[in-house]
Amino acid sequence: MRSAVLVLSALLLSSCAALSAGPAGEPDYATQAAENLALGEAALEDKDYLKAEKYFDHVRAKFPYLEAAREAELKLADLDFAREMFPEAREKFDSFMRLHPTHPKVDYAAYRAALSYVEEFPSEFFALPPSYEKEQKPMYDALRAMNVFLRQYPDSQYVKDATAHRDDARQRLARHELYVASFYAKRERWKAVAQRLEGLLKDYPGTPLEEEALFDLHNAYVKLNDTERAQNTLKEVLKRLPGTPAAQRAQKMLGS
C-alpha cells in the first residue's frame, strides 16, 4: 500500500512539474546570423512555423545592422504567406519596400505582396459556384497590384509570372462581366447588358472572351433597335479580330 502511495505521489509531482514548465523554450540559437537564418529556413521548410519565426526574429533583433536582418524581414513575410495570413504578409512586404526602397530584393517583396491577392482568389472547387459568380475584389486588387509591379519593375525576374497573373485576373474579371451581362439578358434588360459588355470591352480588351462579348453586344443593340451601334459593333469585330472566322461572320452580317 505504501509503495502504491509513493508511486502515485511521484506521478502527481511529475504532472505538476510538466504543467509549471509551460511552453517549449527558445530554440538553440547559433552564434552567427547566417546560421540562424539557415535554421529558420529549415524550420519553415518543415512547416514548423513557430520555430522559424523565433529564428528570424532573433536574427532581426540581435543583428540589426547586418544584411541578414533584412533577409530575416523578408523571411518573416514569407512565413505569414506560408501560413496563409495574406494581409499580414502584405503588411510586412510593404513595410520592407518602404524601409529599403533600394534593396536588391525590393522587387521580390513587391511581387510577393501582389501575389498575396492572387492567393485570395475565390476557390474553383467543383462543389462550389464558379469564381465568376463570387466576390471579385481579390481579382481587382490582384490586377491593380500586378499592374503597379510591372510598371515599377519592368526588368525584374518576376515579370513573366506577374504578367501571367495579371492576364489571368483580367480574364476572370471579364468572365464576371460576361456572367452579369448574361444575367441581365435572361431578364431582357438590354440596356444593362450593353453597359456591362461595353465596360468589359473597354476595361479588359484582348481576352479570349472578346469575340463572345462583341457578338452579345451586337445582339443587345439589335434588341434595343439601335441599328447604328449594332453596325458599329460588327465593325469593331473587324477591327479587333482581323482575319479570323469571327471577322468573316461579322462581314457577312454587315452585308458586304
Protein backbone atom coordinates (compact mmCIF):
# COMPACT_ATOMS: atom_id res chain seq x y z
CA MET A 1 0.00 0.00 0.00
CA ARG A 2 2.80 2.39 0.97
CA SER A 3 4.62 1.73 -2.34
CA ALA A 4 1.44 2.46 -4.30
CA VAL A 5 1.10 5.80 -2.50
CA LEU A 6 4.71 6.66 -3.32
CA VAL A 7 4.18 5.85 -7.00
CA LEU A 8 1.01 7.97 -7.11
CA SER A 9 2.81 10.86 -5.38
CA ALA A 10 5.66 10.65 -7.90
CA LEU A 11 3.20 10.76 -10.80
CA LEU A 12 1.42 13.80 -9.35
CA LEU A 13 4.71 15.62 -8.79
CA SER A 14 5.76 14.82 -12.34
CA SER A 15 2.47 16.16 -13.72
CA CYS A 16 2.76 19.37 -11.70
CA ALA A 17 6.31 19.87 -12.92
CA ALA A 18 5.22 19.41 -16.51
CA LEU A 19 2.42 21.95 -16.05
CA SER A 20 4.68 24.51 -14.40
CA ALA A 21 7.27 24.18 -17.18
CA GLY A 22 4.92 25.92 -19.62
CA PRO A 23 5.52 26.00 -23.40
CA ALA A 24 8.70 24.81 -25.02
CA GLY A 25 11.69 27.09 -24.51
CA GLU A 26 13.65 29.08 -27.04
CA PRO A 27 15.48 27.27 -29.84
CA ASP A 28 19.18 26.57 -29.51
CA TYR A 29 20.35 29.68 -31.35
CA ALA A 30 23.62 29.66 -33.26
CA THR A 31 26.27 32.32 -32.80
CA GLN A 32 26.25 33.53 -36.41
CA ALA A 33 23.36 35.34 -38.13
CA ALA A 34 23.67 33.23 -41.28
CA GLU A 35 23.42 30.02 -39.30
CA ASN A 36 20.25 31.19 -37.57
CA LEU A 37 18.77 32.15 -40.92
CA ALA A 38 19.53 28.69 -42.25
CA LEU A 39 17.95 27.08 -39.18
CA GLY A 40 14.87 29.26 -39.64
CA GLU A 41 14.62 28.35 -43.31
CA ALA A 42 14.86 24.66 -42.44
CA ALA A 43 12.08 25.06 -39.88
CA LEU A 44 9.97 26.93 -42.42
CA GLU A 45 10.53 24.14 -44.94
CA ASP A 46 9.36 21.66 -42.31
CA LYS A 47 6.32 23.86 -41.60
CA ASP A 48 7.47 24.38 -38.02
CA TYR A 49 6.28 27.96 -38.22
CA LEU A 50 6.72 28.88 -34.56
CA LYS A 51 10.36 27.80 -34.52
CA ALA A 52 11.04 29.51 -37.84
CA GLU A 53 9.52 32.75 -36.54
CA LYS A 54 11.76 32.63 -33.46
CA TYR A 55 14.91 32.19 -35.52
CA PHE A 56 14.03 35.03 -37.88
CA ASP A 57 13.02 37.35 -35.04
CA HIS A 58 16.29 36.52 -33.29
CA VAL A 59 18.31 37.48 -36.36
CA ARG A 60 16.42 40.73 -36.77
CA ALA A 61 16.83 41.67 -33.10
CA LYS A 62 20.41 40.53 -32.49
CA PHE A 63 22.00 41.54 -35.80
CA PRO A 64 20.08 44.70 -36.83
CA TYR A 65 22.95 46.21 -38.81
CA LEU A 66 23.77 43.12 -40.88
CA GLU A 67 22.27 42.24 -44.25
CA ALA A 68 20.97 39.09 -42.56
CA ALA A 69 18.45 41.24 -40.67
CA ARG A 70 16.95 42.44 -43.98
CA GLU A 71 16.74 38.84 -45.12
CA ALA A 72 15.02 37.92 -41.87
CA GLU A 73 12.40 40.64 -42.50
CA LEU A 74 11.60 39.06 -45.86
CA LYS A 75 11.52 35.60 -44.32
CA LEU A 76 9.02 36.74 -41.71
CA ALA A 77 6.78 37.99 -44.52
CA ASP A 78 7.24 34.69 -46.34
CA LEU A 79 6.33 32.93 -43.12
CA ASP A 80 2.97 34.72 -42.95
CA PHE A 81 2.45 33.93 -46.63
CA ALA A 82 3.08 30.23 -45.95
CA ARG A 83 0.59 30.35 -43.07
CA GLU A 84 -1.96 31.88 -45.47
CA MET A 85 -2.04 35.04 -43.37
CA PHE A 86 -2.07 37.14 -46.51
CA PRO A 87 -2.98 40.59 -45.12
CA GLU A 88 -0.20 40.23 -42.54
CA ALA A 89 2.25 39.10 -45.23
CA ARG A 90 1.34 42.11 -47.40
CA GLU A 91 1.89 44.46 -44.50
CA LYS A 92 5.38 43.04 -43.93
CA PHE A 93 6.30 43.12 -47.63
CA ASP A 94 5.00 46.70 -47.89
CA SER A 95 6.99 47.69 -44.82
CA PHE A 96 10.13 46.18 -46.34
CA MET A 97 9.61 48.22 -49.51
CA ARG A 98 9.12 51.44 -47.56
CA LEU A 99 12.16 50.90 -45.35
CA HIS A 100 14.50 49.54 -48.02
CA PRO A 101 13.46 51.02 -51.39
CA THR A 102 16.88 50.41 -52.97
CA HIS A 103 17.39 46.89 -51.65
CA PRO A 104 18.25 44.30 -54.36
CA LYS A 105 15.23 42.22 -53.32
CA VAL A 106 12.68 45.01 -53.23
CA ASP A 107 11.13 43.65 -56.44
CA TYR A 108 10.70 40.29 -54.71
CA ALA A 109 8.80 41.97 -51.88
CA ALA A 110 6.61 43.85 -54.37
CA TYR A 111 5.87 40.72 -56.37
CA ARG A 112 5.03 38.64 -53.30
CA ALA A 113 2.76 41.40 -51.98
CA ALA A 114 0.88 41.37 -55.30
CA LEU A 115 0.83 37.58 -55.35
CA SER A 116 -0.88 37.50 -51.97
CA TYR A 117 -4.03 38.88 -53.63
CA VAL A 118 -3.93 36.04 -56.16
CA GLU A 119 -3.86 33.56 -53.28
CA GLU A 120 -7.13 35.08 -52.05
CA PHE A 121 -8.99 34.36 -55.29
CA PRO A 122 -12.29 32.51 -54.77
CA SER A 123 -12.00 28.75 -54.88
CA GLU A 124 -12.76 26.86 -58.09
CA PHE A 125 -13.68 23.73 -56.09
CA PHE A 126 -16.20 21.76 -58.15
CA ALA A 127 -18.84 21.69 -55.40
CA LEU A 128 -18.93 25.49 -55.15
CA PRO A 129 -20.32 28.11 -57.55
CA PRO A 130 -17.73 29.19 -60.14
CA SER A 131 -15.47 32.06 -59.15
CA TYR A 132 -17.07 34.50 -61.61
CA GLU A 133 -20.25 34.32 -59.55
CA LYS A 134 -18.45 35.30 -56.34
CA GLU A 135 -16.88 38.38 -54.79
CA GLN A 136 -14.45 39.90 -57.28
CA LYS A 137 -12.47 42.22 -55.01
CA PRO A 138 -9.37 39.95 -54.80
CA MET A 139 -9.23 39.92 -58.62
CA TYR A 140 -9.44 43.71 -58.82
CA ASP A 141 -6.78 44.02 -56.14
CA ALA A 142 -4.51 41.49 -57.87
CA LEU A 143 -4.89 43.20 -61.24
CA ARG A 144 -4.08 46.60 -59.73
CA ALA A 145 -1.10 45.26 -57.78
CA MET A 146 0.33 43.33 -60.73
CA ASN A 147 -0.03 46.37 -62.99
CA VAL A 148 1.81 48.53 -60.45
CA PHE A 149 4.54 45.91 -60.12
CA LEU A 150 5.01 45.66 -63.90
CA ARG A 151 5.27 49.44 -64.21
CA GLN A 152 7.76 49.82 -61.37
CA TYR A 153 9.96 46.77 -62.04
CA PRO A 154 9.93 46.12 -65.80
CA ASP A 155 13.32 44.37 -65.64
CA SER A 156 12.52 42.10 -62.71
CA GLN A 157 12.95 38.35 -62.98
CA TYR A 158 9.32 38.07 -61.83
CA VAL A 159 7.87 39.96 -64.80
CA LYS A 160 6.87 36.81 -66.69
CA ASP A 161 4.96 35.38 -63.73
CA ALA A 162 3.42 38.74 -62.89
CA THR A 163 2.22 39.13 -66.48
CA ALA A 164 0.60 35.69 -66.38
CA HIS A 165 -1.20 36.53 -63.13
CA ARG A 166 -2.28 39.92 -64.49
CA ASP A 167 -3.73 38.33 -67.61
CA ASP A 168 -5.48 35.67 -65.55
CA ALA A 169 -7.06 38.34 -63.34
CA ARG A 170 -8.20 40.30 -66.41
CA GLN A 171 -9.80 37.21 -67.90
CA ARG A 172 -11.54 36.33 -64.63
CA LEU A 173 -12.94 39.84 -64.36
CA ALA A 174 -14.05 39.76 -68.00
CA ARG A 175 -15.78 36.44 -67.34
CA HIS A 176 -17.59 38.03 -64.42
CA GLU A 177 -18.81 40.90 -66.60
CA LEU A 178 -20.00 38.39 -69.20
CA TYR A 179 -21.82 36.48 -66.48
CA VAL A 180 -23.57 39.64 -65.25
CA ALA A 181 -24.50 40.59 -68.81
CA SER A 182 -25.99 37.12 -69.31
CA PHE A 183 -27.97 37.55 -66.09
CA TYR A 184 -29.48 40.76 -67.45
CA ALA A 185 -30.07 39.24 -70.89
CA LYS A 186 -32.21 36.47 -69.38
CA ARG A 187 -34.37 39.23 -67.95
CA GLU A 188 -34.35 41.17 -71.23
CA ARG A 189 -32.73 44.19 -69.63
CA TRP A 190 -30.86 45.04 -72.82
CA LYS A 191 -29.58 48.45 -71.79
CA ALA A 192 -27.89 46.92 -68.75
CA VAL A 193 -26.50 44.15 -70.98
CA ALA A 194 -24.99 46.73 -73.33
CA GLN A 195 -23.48 48.71 -70.46
CA ARG A 196 -21.77 45.67 -68.92
CA LEU A 197 -20.40 44.47 -72.26
CA GLU A 198 -19.17 47.93 -73.23
CA GLY A 199 -17.36 48.04 -69.90
CA LEU A 200 -15.84 44.60 -70.48
CA LEU A 201 -14.52 45.55 -73.91
CA LYS A 202 -13.14 48.86 -72.63
CA ASP A 203 -11.52 47.59 -69.43
CA TYR A 204 -10.35 44.10 -70.49
CA PRO A 205 -9.52 44.20 -74.22
CA GLY A 206 -7.75 41.30 -75.85
CA THR A 207 -9.07 38.48 -73.66
CA PRO A 208 -10.31 35.22 -75.23
CA LEU A 209 -13.84 36.36 -74.29
CA GLU A 210 -13.74 39.35 -76.62
CA GLU A 211 -15.46 37.61 -79.54
CA GLU A 212 -18.36 36.43 -77.40
CA ALA A 213 -18.72 39.85 -75.80
CA LEU A 214 -18.78 41.65 -79.16
CA PHE A 215 -21.49 39.48 -80.68
CA ASP A 216 -23.54 39.60 -77.48
CA LEU A 217 -23.21 43.39 -77.57
CA HIS A 218 -24.36 43.45 -81.17
CA ASN A 219 -27.40 41.39 -80.19
CA ALA A 220 -28.19 43.76 -77.30
CA TYR A 221 -28.17 46.76 -79.64
CA VAL A 222 -30.42 44.88 -82.08
CA LYS A 223 -32.84 44.26 -79.23
CA LEU A 224 -32.67 47.99 -78.39
CA ASN A 225 -33.39 48.85 -82.05
CA ASP A 226 -30.13 50.80 -82.15
CA THR A 227 -29.04 49.94 -85.68
CA GLU A 228 -26.11 52.32 -85.78
CA ARG A 229 -24.47 50.93 -82.65
CA ALA A 230 -25.20 47.38 -83.74
CA GLN A 231 -23.41 48.04 -87.04
CA ASN A 232 -20.53 49.77 -85.26
CA THR A 233 -20.13 46.74 -83.02
CA LEU A 234 -19.73 44.49 -86.06
CA LYS A 235 -17.13 46.91 -87.43
CA GLU A 236 -15.36 46.65 -84.08
CA VAL A 237 -15.17 42.88 -84.61
CA LEU A 238 -13.36 43.51 -87.90
CA LYS A 239 -11.00 45.91 -86.17
CA ARG A 240 -10.22 43.77 -83.13
CA LEU A 241 -10.24 40.31 -84.69
CA PRO A 242 -8.99 40.72 -88.28
CA GLY A 243 -8.51 37.60 -90.39
CA THR A 244 -10.49 35.39 -88.02
CA PRO A 245 -13.71 33.39 -88.52
CA ALA A 246 -15.34 35.98 -86.24
CA ALA A 247 -14.37 38.74 -88.67
CA GLN A 248 -15.79 36.73 -91.59
CA ARG A 249 -19.03 36.27 -89.69
CA ALA A 250 -19.22 40.00 -88.92
CA GLN A 251 -18.53 40.85 -92.57
CA LYS A 252 -21.46 38.70 -93.70
CA MET A 253 -23.74 40.27 -91.10
CA LEU A 254 -22.74 43.69 -92.38
CA GLY A 255 -23.83 42.54 -95.84
CA SER A 256 -20.61 43.29 -97.68
